[in-house]
Amino acid sequence: MTLHDLLSTLGPVGLLVLLGMVMVFMGVVLPTIWSRHAYRRSAARTTMNTILKALRQLYPF
């Protein structure tokens, strides 16, 4: 599967969702794991918990 096939399969909405997920992953999940500073890890963990709590309210399992 080429990049062109992937982009045409996802469409514009799928591409925006994919980019949003990558941005959340890079901006929240990675700092939770890799930051040297405890206050950054704590802030990223709090943000990640808030996002997960909101997702659980939308889609309760």
PDB file of N, CA and C in Angstrom:
ATOM      1  N   MET A   1       0.851  -1.171   0.000  1.00  0.00           N
ATOM      2  CA  MET A   1       0.000   0.000   0.000  1.00  0.00           C
ATOM      3  C   MET A   1       0.897   1.234   0.000  1.00  0.00           C
ATOM      4  N   THR A   2       0.665   2.107  -0.932  1.00  0.00           N
ATOM      5  CA  THR A   2       1.456   3.331  -1.019  1.00  0.00           C
ATOM      6  C   THR A   2       0.808   4.435  -0.187  1.00  0.00           C
ATOM      7  N   LEU A   3       1.541   5.499  -0.026  1.00  0.00           N
ATOM      8  CA  LEU A   3       1.026   6.643   0.721  1.00  0.00           C
ATOM      9  C   LEU A   3      -0.203   7.227   0.041  1.00  0.00           C
ATOM     10  N   HIS A   4      -0.181   7.278  -1.269  1.00  0.00           N
ATOM     11  CA  HIS A   4      -1.327   7.802  -2.022  1.00  0.00           C
ATOM     12  C   HIS A   4      -2.568   6.948  -1.772  1.00  0.00           C
ATOM     13  N   ASP A   5      -2.420   5.634  -1.751  1.00  0.00           N
ATOM     14  CA  ASP A   5      -3.554   4.754  -1.487  1.00  0.00           C
ATOM     15  C   ASP A   5      -4.099   4.969  -0.071  1.00  0.00           C
ATOM     16  N   LEU A   6      -3.183   5.121   0.882  1.00  0.00           N
ATOM     17  CA  LEU A   6      -3.599   5.345   2.261  1.00  0.00           C
ATOM     18  C   LEU A   6      -4.380   6.650   2.391  1.00  0.00           C
ATOM     19  N   LEU A   7      -3.870   7.720   1.778  1.00  0.00           N
ATOM     20  CA  LEU A   7      -4.551   9.018   1.856  1.00  0.00           C
ATOM     21  C   LEU A   7      -5.912   8.983   1.177  1.00  0.00           C
ATOM     22  N   SER A   8      -6.009   8.292   0.062  1.00  0.00           N
ATOM     23  CA  SER A   8      -7.302   8.226  -0.621  1.00  0.00           C
ATOM     24  C   SER A   8      -8.280   7.334   0.152  1.00  0.00           C
ATOM     25  N   THR A   9      -7.780   6.329   0.856  1.00  0.00           N
ATOM     26  CA  THR A   9      -8.647   5.472   1.653  1.00  0.00           C
ATOM     27  C   THR A   9      -9.188   6.216   2.869  1.00  0.00           C
ATOM     28  N   LEU A  10      -8.313   6.978   3.539  1.00  0.00           N
ATOM     29  CA  LEU A  10      -8.735   7.692   4.741  1.00  0.00           C
ATOM     30  C   LEU A  10      -9.681   8.838   4.426  1.00  0.00           C
ATOM     31  N   GLY A  11      -9.412   9.550   3.374  1.00  0.00           N
ATOM     32  CA  GLY A  11     -10.210  10.724   3.055  1.00  0.00           C
ATOM     33  C   GLY A  11      -9.810  11.890   3.949  1.00  0.00           C
ATOM     34  N   PRO A  12     -10.407  13.046   3.753  1.00  0.00           N
ATOM     35  CA  PRO A  12     -10.006  14.223   4.525  1.00  0.00           C
ATOM     36  C   PRO A  12     -10.317  14.113   6.017  1.00  0.00           C
ATOM     37  N   VAL A  13     -11.460  13.533   6.363  1.00  0.00           N
ATOM     38  CA  VAL A  13     -11.836  13.422   7.776  1.00  0.00           C
ATOM     39  C   VAL A  13     -10.927  12.406   8.474  1.00  0.00           C
ATOM     40  N   GLY A  14     -10.688  11.289   7.845  1.00  0.00           N
ATOM     41  CA  GLY A  14      -9.800  10.283   8.423  1.00  0.00           C
ATOM     42  C   GLY A  14      -8.393  10.794   8.602  1.00  0.00           C
ATOM     43  N   LEU A  15      -7.930  11.598   7.653  1.00  0.00           N
ATOM     44  CA  LEU A  15      -6.599  12.175   7.759  1.00  0.00           C
ATOM     45  C   LEU A  15      -6.516  13.151   8.923  1.00  0.00           C
ATOM     46  N   LEU A  16      -7.550  13.961   9.118  1.00  0.00           N
ATOM     47  CA  LEU A  16      -7.571  14.884  10.259  1.00  0.00           C
ATOM     48  C   LEU A  16      -7.598  14.136  11.588  1.00  0.00           C
ATOM     49  N   VAL A  17      -8.360  13.057  11.657  1.00  0.00           N
ATOM     50  CA  VAL A  17      -8.405  12.246  12.873  1.00  0.00           C
ATOM     51  C   VAL A  17      -7.042  11.619  13.141  1.00  0.00           C
ATOM     52  N   LEU A  18      -6.417  11.097  12.108  1.00  0.00           N
ATOM     53  CA  LEU A  18      -5.083  10.498  12.252  1.00  0.00           C
ATOM     54  C   LEU A  18      -4.059  11.527  12.717  1.00  0.00           C
ATOM     55  N   LEU A  19      -4.067  12.706  12.132  1.00  0.00           N
ATOM     56  CA  LEU A  19      -3.146  13.759  12.552  1.00  0.00           C
ATOM     57  C   LEU A  19      -3.414  14.202  13.989  1.00  0.00           C
ATOM     58  N   GLY A  20      -4.679  14.284  14.364  1.00  0.00           N
ATOM     59  CA  GLY A  20      -5.021  14.635  15.741  1.00  0.00           C
ATOM     60  C   GLY A  20      -4.523  13.600  16.728  1.00  0.00           C
ATOM     61  N   MET A  21      -4.671  12.328  16.383  1.00  0.00           N
ATOM     62  CA  MET A  21      -4.193  11.264  17.271  1.00  0.00           C
ATOM     63  C   MET A  21      -2.672  11.302  17.406  1.00  0.00           C
ATOM     64  N   VAL A  22      -1.976  11.554  16.310  1.00  0.00           N
ATOM     65  CA  VAL A  22      -0.514  11.639  16.362  1.00  0.00           C
ATOM     66  C   VAL A  22      -0.083  12.834  17.212  1.00  0.00           C
ATOM     67  N   MET A  23      -0.781  13.949  17.074  1.00  0.00           N
ATOM     68  CA  MET A  23      -0.434  15.129  17.867  1.00  0.00           C
ATOM     69  C   MET A  23      -0.671  14.899  19.353  1.00  0.00           C
ATOM     70  N   VAL A  24      -1.765  14.241  19.708  1.00  0.00           N
ATOM     71  CA  VAL A  24      -2.023  13.919  21.114  1.00  0.00           C
ATOM     72  C   VAL A  24      -0.963  12.962  21.633  1.00  0.00           C
ATOM     73  N   PHE A  25      -0.617  11.974  20.827  1.00  0.00           N
ATOM     74  CA  PHE A  25       0.407  11.023  21.245  1.00  0.00           C
ATOM     75  C   PHE A  25       1.741  11.723  21.489  1.00  0.00           C
ATOM     76  N   MET A  26       2.141  12.570  20.557  1.00  0.00           N
ATOM     77  CA  MET A  26       3.432  13.255  20.697  1.00  0.00           C
ATOM     78  C   MET A  26       3.407  14.325  21.783  1.00  0.00           C
ATOM     79  N   GLY A  27       2.274  14.950  21.991  1.00  0.00           N
ATOM     80  CA  GLY A  27       2.207  16.050  22.943  1.00  0.00           C
ATOM     81  C   GLY A  27       1.850  15.657  24.362  1.00  0.00           C
ATOM     82  N   VAL A  28       1.231  14.480  24.539  1.00  0.00           N
ATOM     83  CA  VAL A  28       0.788  14.084  25.876  1.00  0.00           C
ATOM     84  C   VAL A  28       1.443  12.777  26.321  1.00  0.00           C
ATOM     85  N   VAL A  29       1.361  11.757  25.500  1.00  0.00           N
ATOM     86  CA  VAL A  29       1.844  10.443  25.920  1.00  0.00           C
ATOM     87  C   VAL A  29       3.364  10.401  26.023  1.00  0.00           C
ATOM     88  N   LEU A  30       4.063  10.888  25.017  1.00  0.00           N
ATOM     89  CA  LEU A  30       5.527  10.839  25.065  1.00  0.00           C
ATOM     90  C   LEU A  30       6.122  11.663  26.207  1.00  0.00           C
ATOM     91  N   PRO A  31       5.643  12.877  26.491  1.00  0.00           N
ATOM     92  CA  PRO A  31       6.176  13.581  27.661  1.00  0.00           C
ATOM     93  C   PRO A  31       5.882  12.864  28.980  1.00  0.00           C
ATOM     94  N   THR A  32       4.778  12.132  29.041  1.00  0.00           N
ATOM     95  CA  THR A  32       4.479  11.369  30.246  1.00  0.00           C
ATOM     96  C   THR A  32       5.563  10.324  30.500  1.00  0.00           C
ATOM     97  N   ILE A  33       6.097   9.777  29.441  1.00  0.00           N
ATOM     98  CA  ILE A  33       7.080   8.710  29.552  1.00  0.00           C
ATOM     99  C   ILE A  33       8.503   9.247  29.634  1.00  0.00           C
ATOM    100  N   TRP A  34       8.868  10.227  28.810  1.00  0.00           N
ATOM    101  CA  TRP A  34      10.268  10.564  28.591  1.00  0.00           C
ATOM    102  C   TRP A  34      10.775  11.852  29.225  1.00  0.00           C
ATOM    103  N   SER A  35       9.947  12.629  29.831  1.00  0.00           N
ATOM    104  CA  SER A  35      10.430  13.908  30.351  1.00  0.00           C
ATOM    105  C   SER A  35      11.353  13.709  31.548  1.00  0.00           C
ATOM    106  N   ARG A  36      12.417  14.517  31.608  1.00  0.00           N
ATOM    107  CA  ARG A  36      13.341  14.464  32.743  1.00  0.00           C
ATOM    108  C   ARG A  36      12.771  15.169  33.955  1.00  0.00           C
ATOM    109  N   HIS A  37      11.868  16.098  33.730  1.00  0.00           N
ATOM    110  CA  HIS A  37      11.342  16.926  34.813  1.00  0.00           C
ATOM    111  C   HIS A  37      10.051  16.330  35.369  1.00  0.00           C
ATOM    112  N   ALA A  38      10.014  16.220  36.677  1.00  0.00           N
ATOM    113  CA  ALA A  38       8.855  15.606  37.325  1.00  0.00           C
ATOM    114  C   ALA A  38       7.582  16.423  37.112  1.00  0.00           C
ATOM    115  N   TYR A  39       7.699  17.751  37.106  1.00  0.00           N
ATOM    116  CA  TYR A  39       6.493  18.570  36.941  1.00  0.00           C
ATOM    117  C   TYR A  39       5.909  18.416  35.541  1.00  0.00           C
ATOM    118  N   ARG A  40       6.746  18.198  34.538  1.00  0.00           N
ATOM    119  CA  ARG A  40       6.224  17.968  33.184  1.00  0.00           C
ATOM    120  C   ARG A  40       5.553  16.604  33.089  1.00  0.00           C
ATOM    121  N   ARG A  41       6.174  15.600  33.695  1.00  0.00           N
ATOM    122  CA  ARG A  41       5.558  14.268  33.691  1.00  0.00           C
ATOM    123  C   ARG A  41       4.216  14.301  34.405  1.00  0.00           C
ATOM    124  N   SER A  42       4.161  15.019  35.518  1.00  0.00           N
ATOM    125  CA  SER A  42       2.919  15.115  36.275  1.00  0.00           C
ATOM    126  C   SER A  42       1.839  15.839  35.476  1.00  0.00           C
ATOM    127  N   ALA A  43       2.197  16.935  34.839  1.00  0.00           N
ATOM    128  CA  ALA A  43       1.224  17.689  34.038  1.00  0.00           C
ATOM    129  C   ALA A  43       0.741  16.860  32.852  1.00  0.00           C
ATOM    130  N   ALA A  44       1.648  16.153  32.187  1.00  0.00           N
ATOM    131  CA  ALA A  44       1.251  15.325  31.051  1.00  0.00           C
ATOM    132  C   ALA A  44       0.370  14.173  31.512  1.00  0.00           C
ATOM    133  N   ARG A  45       0.668  13.596  32.669  1.00  0.00           N
ATOM    134  CA  ARG A  45      -0.153  12.505  33.209  1.00  0.00           C
ATOM    135  C   ARG A  45      -1.554  13.004  33.550  1.00  0.00           C
ATOM    136  N   THR A  46      -1.642  14.201  34.126  1.00  0.00           N
ATOM    137  CA  THR A  46      -2.953  14.772  34.444  1.00  0.00           C
ATOM    138  C   THR A  46      -3.757  15.024  33.178  1.00  0.00           C
ATOM    139  N   THR A  47      -3.114  15.557  32.153  1.00  0.00           N
ATOM    140  CA  THR A  47      -3.785  15.796  30.876  1.00  0.00           C
ATOM    141  C   THR A  47      -4.247  14.491  30.251  1.00  0.00           C
ATOM    142  N   MET A  48      -3.382  13.467  30.290  1.00  0.00           N
ATOM    143  CA  MET A  48      -3.740  12.175  29.717  1.00  0.00           C
ATOM    144  C   MET A  48      -4.917  11.560  30.475  1.00  0.00           C
ATOM    145  N   ASN A  49      -4.921  11.682  31.794  1.00  0.00           N
ATOM    146  CA  ASN A  49      -6.053  11.164  32.576  1.00  0.00           C
ATOM    147  C   ASN A  49      -7.343  11.900  32.254  1.00  0.00           C
ATOM    148  N   THR A  50      -7.265  13.198  32.037  1.00  0.00           N
ATOM    149  CA  THR A  50      -8.448  13.975  31.668  1.00  0.00           C
ATOM    150  C   THR A  50      -8.995  13.530  30.312  1.00  0.00           C
ATOM    151  N   ILE A  51      -8.116  13.327  29.351  1.00  0.00           N
ATOM    152  CA  ILE A  51      -8.537  12.865  28.020  1.00  0.00           C
ATOM    153  C   ILE A  51      -9.162  11.480  28.110  1.00  0.00           C
ATOM    154  N   LEU A  52      -8.530  10.580  28.861  1.00  0.00           N
ATOM    155  CA  LEU A  52      -9.072   9.228  28.990  1.00  0.00           C
ATOM    156  C   LEU A  52     -10.414   9.217  29.714  1.00  0.00           C
ATOM    157  N   LYS A  53     -10.572  10.071  30.711  1.00  0.00           N
ATOM    158  CA  LYS A  53     -11.836  10.158  31.430  1.00  0.00           C
ATOM    159  C   LYS A  53     -12.951  10.654  30.495  1.00  0.00           C
ATOM    160  N   ALA A  54     -12.628  11.634  29.650  1.00  0.00           N
ATOM    161  CA  ALA A  54     -13.615  12.139  28.696  1.00  0.00           C
ATOM    162  C   ALA A  54     -13.986  11.056  27.682  1.00  0.00           C
ATOM    163  N   LEU A  55     -13.005  10.282  27.232  1.00  0.00           N
ATOM    164  CA  LEU A  55     -13.302   9.194  26.296  1.00  0.00           C
ATOM    165  C   LEU A  55     -14.153   8.111  26.952  1.00  0.00           C
ATOM    166  N   ARG A  56     -13.891   7.818  28.216  1.00  0.00           N
ATOM    167  CA  ARG A  56     -14.700   6.824  28.923  1.00  0.00           C
ATOM    168  C   ARG A  56     -16.142   7.283  29.069  1.00  0.00           C
ATOM    169  N   GLN A  57     -16.353   8.581  29.233  1.00  0.00           N
ATOM    170  CA  GLN A  57     -17.717   9.093  29.337  1.00  0.00           C
ATOM    171  C   GLN A  57     -18.431   9.006  27.995  1.00  0.00           C
ATOM    172  N   LEU A  58     -17.688   9.198  26.903  1.00  0.00           N
ATOM    173  CA  LEU A  58     -18.293   9.087  25.576  1.00  0.00           C
ATOM    174  C   LEU A  58     -18.585   7.639  25.205  1.00  0.00           C
ATOM    175  N   TYR A  59     -17.634   6.762  25.511  1.00  0.00           N
ATOM    176  CA  TYR A  59     -17.738   5.347  25.150  1.00  0.00           C
ATOM    177  C   TYR A  59     -17.511   4.483  26.391  1.00  0.00           C
ATOM    178  N   PRO A  60     -18.508   4.343  27.241  1.00  0.00           N
ATOM    179  CA  PRO A  60     -18.312   3.525  28.444  1.00  0.00           C
ATOM    180  C   PRO A  60     -18.197   2.043  28.066  1.00  0.00           C
ATOM    181  N   PHE A  61     -17.182   1.383  28.543  1.00  0.00           N
ATOM    182  CA  PHE A  61     -16.973  -0.034  28.233  1.00  0.00           C
ATOM    183  C   PHE A  61     -17.443  -0.864  29.396  1.00  0.00           C
TER     184      PHE A  61
END
